[in-house]
Amino acid sequence: MERRIWFDRRFVLGTPIDAQPDLVERLRGTPLRLEERVAGLPLEQVRLRPGDSWSIAEHAGHLGDLERLWLGRIEDFLGGLSTLRPADLANRATWAANHNARLLEDILSDFRQRRHALVEELERLNDTQLQLTAHHPRLEQPMTAVDLCFFVAEHDDHHLAAITALRGGALRSKPSSETANS
């Protein structure tokens, strides 16, 4: 089965507020799921870049790179902005980070720390704040903070699925599809 391209995905938003605890749990569990997916892999496999797609290390690093965006979007909601800050669709931070030259343990530790900060921030939001709405610039639709949690969880799963495919050597998505951002 060919994997979906992130930028081709469309989302039905309007996630009910009572989904927040489940979504936060999903987000809280991503570092552990990531660590499980990469445990015991040889360094050559972790750094192998198939064509112009990202390596396992680059996918893992990308998850950590985007934590600043997710936290920034929470700030946007709380600040009453009408439009959420845009993502860097070229993923310059991930390319510049050269994750293939980093120790995998450092990539995983950085992501775990950054995700912990995001989860803490999400858990501080009250019901009124969770329902604040702003326009998502790429999706061209309004999004609440609860929708953001769903979106981040889907983004996590997209990259975990790419790592799973790379573990098996069966990445069958179109070239460059893994370098898509949010």
C-alpha atoms as a PDB file:
ATOM      1  CA  MET A   1       0.000   0.000   0.000  1.00  0.00           C
ATOM      2  CA  GLU A   2       1.336   3.415  -0.910  1.00  0.00           C
ATOM      3  CA  ARG A   3       1.504   5.890   1.976  1.00  0.00           C
ATOM      4  CA  ARG A   4      -0.509   9.091   1.905  1.00  0.00           C
ATOM      5  CA  ILE A   5       1.307  12.326   1.249  1.00  0.00           C
ATOM      6  CA  TRP A   6       0.945  14.688   4.196  1.00  0.00           C
ATOM      7  CA  PHE A   7       0.140  17.734   2.091  1.00  0.00           C
ATOM      8  CA  ASP A   8      -2.625  15.827   0.313  1.00  0.00           C
ATOM      9  CA  ARG A   9      -4.406  15.136   3.601  1.00  0.00           C
ATOM     10  CA  ARG A  10      -7.568  16.989   4.431  1.00  0.00           C
ATOM     11  CA  PHE A  11      -8.950  17.104   7.941  1.00  0.00           C
ATOM     12  CA  VAL A  12     -12.484  17.250   9.220  1.00  0.00           C
ATOM     13  CA  LEU A  13     -12.087  19.520  12.188  1.00  0.00           C
ATOM     14  CA  GLY A  14     -14.538  20.342  14.948  1.00  0.00           C
ATOM     15  CA  THR A  15     -13.124  17.804  17.381  1.00  0.00           C
ATOM     16  CA  PRO A  16     -15.341  17.810  20.495  1.00  0.00           C
ATOM     17  CA  ILE A  17     -13.797  19.257  23.644  1.00  0.00           C
ATOM     18  CA  ASP A  18     -14.280  15.992  25.528  1.00  0.00           C
ATOM     19  CA  ALA A  19     -11.752  14.356  23.175  1.00  0.00           C
ATOM     20  CA  GLN A  20      -8.959  16.471  24.684  1.00  0.00           C
ATOM     21  CA  PRO A  21      -7.862  14.047  27.436  1.00  0.00           C
ATOM     22  CA  ASP A  22      -7.600  11.176  24.943  1.00  0.00           C
ATOM     23  CA  LEU A  23      -5.680  13.285  22.449  1.00  0.00           C
ATOM     24  CA  VAL A  24      -3.265  14.539  25.109  1.00  0.00           C
ATOM     25  CA  GLU A  25      -2.621  10.927  26.130  1.00  0.00           C
ATOM     26  CA  ARG A  26      -1.877  10.088  22.512  1.00  0.00           C
ATOM     27  CA  LEU A  27       0.571  12.998  22.333  1.00  0.00           C
ATOM     28  CA  ARG A  28       2.137  12.040  25.664  1.00  0.00           C
ATOM     29  CA  GLY A  29       2.799   8.536  24.340  1.00  0.00           C
ATOM     30  CA  THR A  30       4.545   9.514  21.115  1.00  0.00           C
ATOM     31  CA  PRO A  31       8.090   9.679  22.566  1.00  0.00           C
ATOM     32  CA  LEU A  32       7.765   6.151  23.928  1.00  0.00           C
ATOM     33  CA  ARG A  33       6.292   4.888  20.660  1.00  0.00           C
ATOM     34  CA  LEU A  34       9.147   6.538  18.753  1.00  0.00           C
ATOM     35  CA  GLU A  35      11.758   5.019  21.046  1.00  0.00           C
ATOM     36  CA  GLU A  36      10.183   1.591  20.562  1.00  0.00           C
ATOM     37  CA  ARG A  37      10.252   1.966  16.777  1.00  0.00           C
ATOM     38  CA  VAL A  38      13.985   2.760  16.664  1.00  0.00           C
ATOM     39  CA  ALA A  39      15.245   0.493  19.467  1.00  0.00           C
ATOM     40  CA  GLY A  40      18.021  -1.827  18.392  1.00  0.00           C
ATOM     41  CA  LEU A  41      18.357  -0.516  14.850  1.00  0.00           C
ATOM     42  CA  PRO A  42      21.873  -0.351  13.454  1.00  0.00           C
ATOM     43  CA  LEU A  43      23.240   3.141  12.891  1.00  0.00           C
ATOM     44  CA  GLU A  44      23.454   2.556   9.133  1.00  0.00           C
ATOM     45  CA  GLN A  45      19.732   1.868   8.965  1.00  0.00           C
ATOM     46  CA  VAL A  46      18.863   4.853  11.165  1.00  0.00           C
ATOM     47  CA  ARG A  47      20.803   7.192   8.868  1.00  0.00           C
ATOM     48  CA  LEU A  48      19.928   5.624   5.520  1.00  0.00           C
ATOM     49  CA  ARG A  49      18.165   8.108   3.281  1.00  0.00           C
ATOM     50  CA  PRO A  50      16.126   6.409   0.529  1.00  0.00           C
ATOM     51  CA  GLY A  51      16.346   8.694  -2.491  1.00  0.00           C
ATOM     52  CA  ASP A  52      15.364  12.216  -1.504  1.00  0.00           C
ATOM     53  CA  SER A  53      13.186  11.090   1.422  1.00  0.00           C
ATOM     54  CA  TRP A  54      14.201  11.444   5.046  1.00  0.00           C
ATOM     55  CA  SER A  55      16.044   8.842   7.073  1.00  0.00           C
ATOM     56  CA  ILE A  56      14.686   7.420  10.323  1.00  0.00           C
ATOM     57  CA  ALA A  57      16.881   9.886  12.256  1.00  0.00           C
ATOM     58  CA  GLU A  58      15.525  12.787  10.208  1.00  0.00           C
ATOM     59  CA  HIS A  59      11.899  11.761  10.793  1.00  0.00           C
ATOM     60  CA  ALA A  60      12.586  11.483  14.523  1.00  0.00           C
ATOM     61  CA  GLY A  61      14.393  14.825  14.566  1.00  0.00           C
ATOM     62  CA  HIS A  62      11.596  16.470  12.604  1.00  0.00           C
ATOM     63  CA  LEU A  63       9.097  15.539  15.313  1.00  0.00           C
ATOM     64  CA  GLY A  64      11.221  17.429  17.836  1.00  0.00           C
ATOM     65  CA  ASP A  65      11.779  20.328  15.470  1.00  0.00           C
ATOM     66  CA  LEU A  66       8.034  20.984  15.201  1.00  0.00           C
ATOM     67  CA  GLU A  67       7.378  21.192  18.928  1.00  0.00           C
ATOM     68  CA  ARG A  68       8.187  24.920  18.785  1.00  0.00           C
ATOM     69  CA  LEU A  69       5.507  25.381  16.114  1.00  0.00           C
ATOM     70  CA  TRP A  70       2.880  23.532  18.157  1.00  0.00           C
ATOM     71  CA  LEU A  71       3.687  25.581  21.282  1.00  0.00           C
ATOM     72  CA  GLY A  72       3.640  28.741  19.190  1.00  0.00           C
ATOM     73  CA  ARG A  73       0.210  27.908  17.875  1.00  0.00           C
ATOM     74  CA  ILE A  74      -1.072  27.508  21.423  1.00  0.00           C
ATOM     75  CA  GLU A  75       0.312  31.007  22.083  1.00  0.00           C
ATOM     76  CA  ASP A  76      -1.562  32.185  18.976  1.00  0.00           C
ATOM     77  CA  PHE A  77      -4.850  30.831  20.340  1.00  0.00           C
ATOM     78  CA  LEU A  78      -4.270  32.351  23.769  1.00  0.00           C
ATOM     79  CA  GLY A  79      -3.203  35.656  22.219  1.00  0.00           C
ATOM     80  CA  GLY A  80      -6.465  35.898  20.313  1.00  0.00           C
ATOM     81  CA  LEU A  81      -4.837  35.829  16.882  1.00  0.00           C
ATOM     82  CA  SER A  82      -7.222  35.224  14.007  1.00  0.00           C
ATOM     83  CA  THR A  83      -4.681  33.165  12.048  1.00  0.00           C
ATOM     84  CA  LEU A  84      -2.214  30.615  13.375  1.00  0.00           C
ATOM     85  CA  ARG A  85       1.457  31.067  12.582  1.00  0.00           C
ATOM     86  CA  PRO A  86       2.412  29.246   9.395  1.00  0.00           C
ATOM     87  CA  ALA A  87       4.677  26.245   9.254  1.00  0.00           C
ATOM     88  CA  ASP A  88       7.911  26.377   7.323  1.00  0.00           C
ATOM     89  CA  LEU A  89       6.734  24.233   4.433  1.00  0.00           C
ATOM     90  CA  ALA A  90      10.313  23.716   3.232  1.00  0.00           C
ATOM     91  CA  ASN A  91      11.286  22.241   6.612  1.00  0.00           C
ATOM     92  CA  ARG A  92      14.448  24.336   6.767  1.00  0.00           C
ATOM     93  CA  ALA A  93      14.932  23.620  10.493  1.00  0.00           C
ATOM     94  CA  THR A  94      14.950  19.871   9.937  1.00  0.00           C
ATOM     95  CA  TRP A  95      17.315  20.048   6.977  1.00  0.00           C
ATOM     96  CA  ALA A  96      19.620  22.472   8.796  1.00  0.00           C
ATOM     97  CA  ALA A  97      19.700  20.332  11.956  1.00  0.00           C
ATOM     98  CA  ASN A  98      21.573  17.562  10.134  1.00  0.00           C
ATOM     99  CA  HIS A  99      19.918  14.923  12.319  1.00  0.00           C
ATOM    100  CA  ASN A 100      21.898  12.163  10.595  1.00  0.00           C
ATOM    101  CA  ALA A 101      25.048  13.536  12.256  1.00  0.00           C
ATOM    102  CA  ARG A 102      23.460  13.566  15.731  1.00  0.00           C
ATOM    103  CA  LEU A 103      23.354  10.743  18.225  1.00  0.00           C
ATOM    104  CA  LEU A 104      19.973   9.042  18.087  1.00  0.00           C
ATOM    105  CA  GLU A 105      19.814   9.134  21.884  1.00  0.00           C
ATOM    106  CA  ASP A 106      20.093  12.938  21.771  1.00  0.00           C
ATOM    107  CA  ILE A 107      17.340  13.220  19.159  1.00  0.00           C
ATOM    108  CA  LEU A 108      15.043  11.046  21.267  1.00  0.00           C
ATOM    109  CA  SER A 109      15.874  12.882  24.495  1.00  0.00           C
ATOM    110  CA  ASP A 110      15.285  16.290  22.897  1.00  0.00           C
ATOM    111  CA  PHE A 111      11.931  15.180  21.531  1.00  0.00           C
ATOM    112  CA  ARG A 112      10.876  13.687  24.869  1.00  0.00           C
ATOM    113  CA  GLN A 113      11.701  16.967  26.679  1.00  0.00           C
ATOM    114  CA  ARG A 114      10.008  19.148  24.088  1.00  0.00           C
ATOM    115  CA  ARG A 115       6.910  16.966  23.974  1.00  0.00           C
ATOM    116  CA  HIS A 116       6.707  17.011  27.770  1.00  0.00           C
ATOM    117  CA  ALA A 117       6.593  20.826  27.621  1.00  0.00           C
ATOM    118  CA  LEU A 118       3.812  20.702  25.009  1.00  0.00           C
ATOM    119  CA  VAL A 119       1.746  18.244  27.040  1.00  0.00           C
ATOM    120  CA  GLU A 120       2.140  20.382  30.166  1.00  0.00           C
ATOM    121  CA  GLU A 121       0.954  23.444  28.263  1.00  0.00           C
ATOM    122  CA  LEU A 122      -2.044  21.568  26.843  1.00  0.00           C
ATOM    123  CA  GLU A 123      -3.001  20.322  30.296  1.00  0.00           C
ATOM    124  CA  ARG A 124      -3.072  23.910  31.592  1.00  0.00           C
ATOM    125  CA  LEU A 125      -5.751  24.969  29.100  1.00  0.00           C
ATOM    126  CA  ASN A 126      -9.258  25.359  30.482  1.00  0.00           C
ATOM    127  CA  ASP A 127     -12.463  24.546  28.611  1.00  0.00           C
ATOM    128  CA  THR A 128     -12.837  28.099  27.297  1.00  0.00           C
ATOM    129  CA  GLN A 129      -9.257  28.170  26.005  1.00  0.00           C
ATOM    130  CA  LEU A 130      -9.646  24.769  24.355  1.00  0.00           C
ATOM    131  CA  GLN A 131     -12.499  26.176  22.279  1.00  0.00           C
ATOM    132  CA  LEU A 132     -10.631  29.251  21.037  1.00  0.00           C
ATOM    133  CA  THR A 133     -10.576  29.307  17.249  1.00  0.00           C
ATOM    134  CA  ALA A 134      -8.044  30.548  14.702  1.00  0.00           C
ATOM    135  CA  HIS A 135      -7.572  30.008  10.983  1.00  0.00           C
ATOM    136  CA  HIS A 136      -5.051  27.346   9.952  1.00  0.00           C
ATOM    137  CA  PRO A 137      -3.081  28.922   7.065  1.00  0.00           C
ATOM    138  CA  ARG A 138      -2.413  25.778   5.019  1.00  0.00           C
ATOM    139  CA  LEU A 139      -5.657  23.934   5.653  1.00  0.00           C
ATOM    140  CA  GLU A 140      -7.663  27.094   4.988  1.00  0.00           C
ATOM    141  CA  GLN A 141     -10.145  26.381   7.751  1.00  0.00           C
ATOM    142  CA  PRO A 142     -10.770  27.316  11.369  1.00  0.00           C
ATOM    143  CA  MET A 143      -9.197  25.163  14.054  1.00  0.00           C
ATOM    144  CA  THR A 144      -9.590  24.979  17.838  1.00  0.00           C
ATOM    145  CA  ALA A 145      -6.889  24.017  20.320  1.00  0.00           C
ATOM    146  CA  VAL A 146      -8.532  20.575  20.537  1.00  0.00           C
ATOM    147  CA  ASP A 147      -8.321  20.307  16.732  1.00  0.00           C
ATOM    148  CA  LEU A 148      -4.645  21.220  17.004  1.00  0.00           C
ATOM    149  CA  CYS A 149      -4.110  18.261  19.334  1.00  0.00           C
ATOM    150  CA  PHE A 150      -5.760  15.974  16.791  1.00  0.00           C
ATOM    151  CA  PHE A 151      -3.657  17.473  13.991  1.00  0.00           C
ATOM    152  CA  VAL A 152      -0.393  17.033  15.934  1.00  0.00           C
ATOM    153  CA  ALA A 153      -1.308  13.444  16.811  1.00  0.00           C
ATOM    154  CA  GLU A 154      -1.981  12.690  13.150  1.00  0.00           C
ATOM    155  CA  HIS A 155       1.328  14.323  12.201  1.00  0.00           C
ATOM    156  CA  ASP A 156       3.116  12.165  14.788  1.00  0.00           C
ATOM    157  CA  ASP A 157       1.501   9.030  13.411  1.00  0.00           C
ATOM    158  CA  HIS A 158       2.401  10.022   9.853  1.00  0.00           C
ATOM    159  CA  HIS A 159       6.093  10.112  10.755  1.00  0.00           C
ATOM    160  CA  LEU A 160       5.932   7.008  12.945  1.00  0.00           C
ATOM    161  CA  ALA A 161       4.390   5.145   9.994  1.00  0.00           C
ATOM    162  CA  ALA A 162       7.226   6.382   7.779  1.00  0.00           C
ATOM    163  CA  ILE A 163       9.744   5.086  10.320  1.00  0.00           C
ATOM    164  CA  THR A 164       7.937   1.749  10.431  1.00  0.00           C
ATOM    165  CA  ALA A 165       8.126   1.531   6.637  1.00  0.00           C
ATOM    166  CA  LEU A 166      11.824   2.387   6.696  1.00  0.00           C
ATOM    167  CA  ARG A 167      12.444  -0.274   9.336  1.00  0.00           C
ATOM    168  CA  GLY A 168      11.039  -2.830   6.931  1.00  0.00           C
ATOM    169  CA  GLY A 169      12.711  -1.277   3.914  1.00  0.00           C
ATOM    170  CA  ALA A 170       9.358  -0.953   2.187  1.00  0.00           C
ATOM    171  CA  LEU A 171       8.916   2.770   1.771  1.00  0.00           C
ATOM    172  CA  ARG A 172       6.625   3.028  -1.230  1.00  0.00           C
ATOM    173  CA  SER A 173       5.501   6.598  -1.076  1.00  0.00           C
ATOM    174  CA  LYS A 174       6.282   9.086  -3.786  1.00  0.00           C
ATOM    175  CA  PRO A 175       9.664  10.872  -3.622  1.00  0.00           C
ATOM    176  CA  SER A 176       9.759  13.854  -1.296  1.00  0.00           C
ATOM    177  CA  SER A 177       6.470  12.919   0.363  1.00  0.00           C
ATOM    178  CA  GLU A 178       8.098  12.469   3.752  1.00  0.00           C
ATOM    179  CA  THR A 179       9.526  15.940   3.791  1.00  0.00           C
ATOM    180  CA  ALA A 180       6.081  17.502   3.984  1.00  0.00           C
ATOM    181  CA  ASN A 181       5.329  19.649   6.981  1.00  0.00           C
ATOM    182  CA  SER A 182       2.229  21.048   8.609  1.00  0.00           C
END
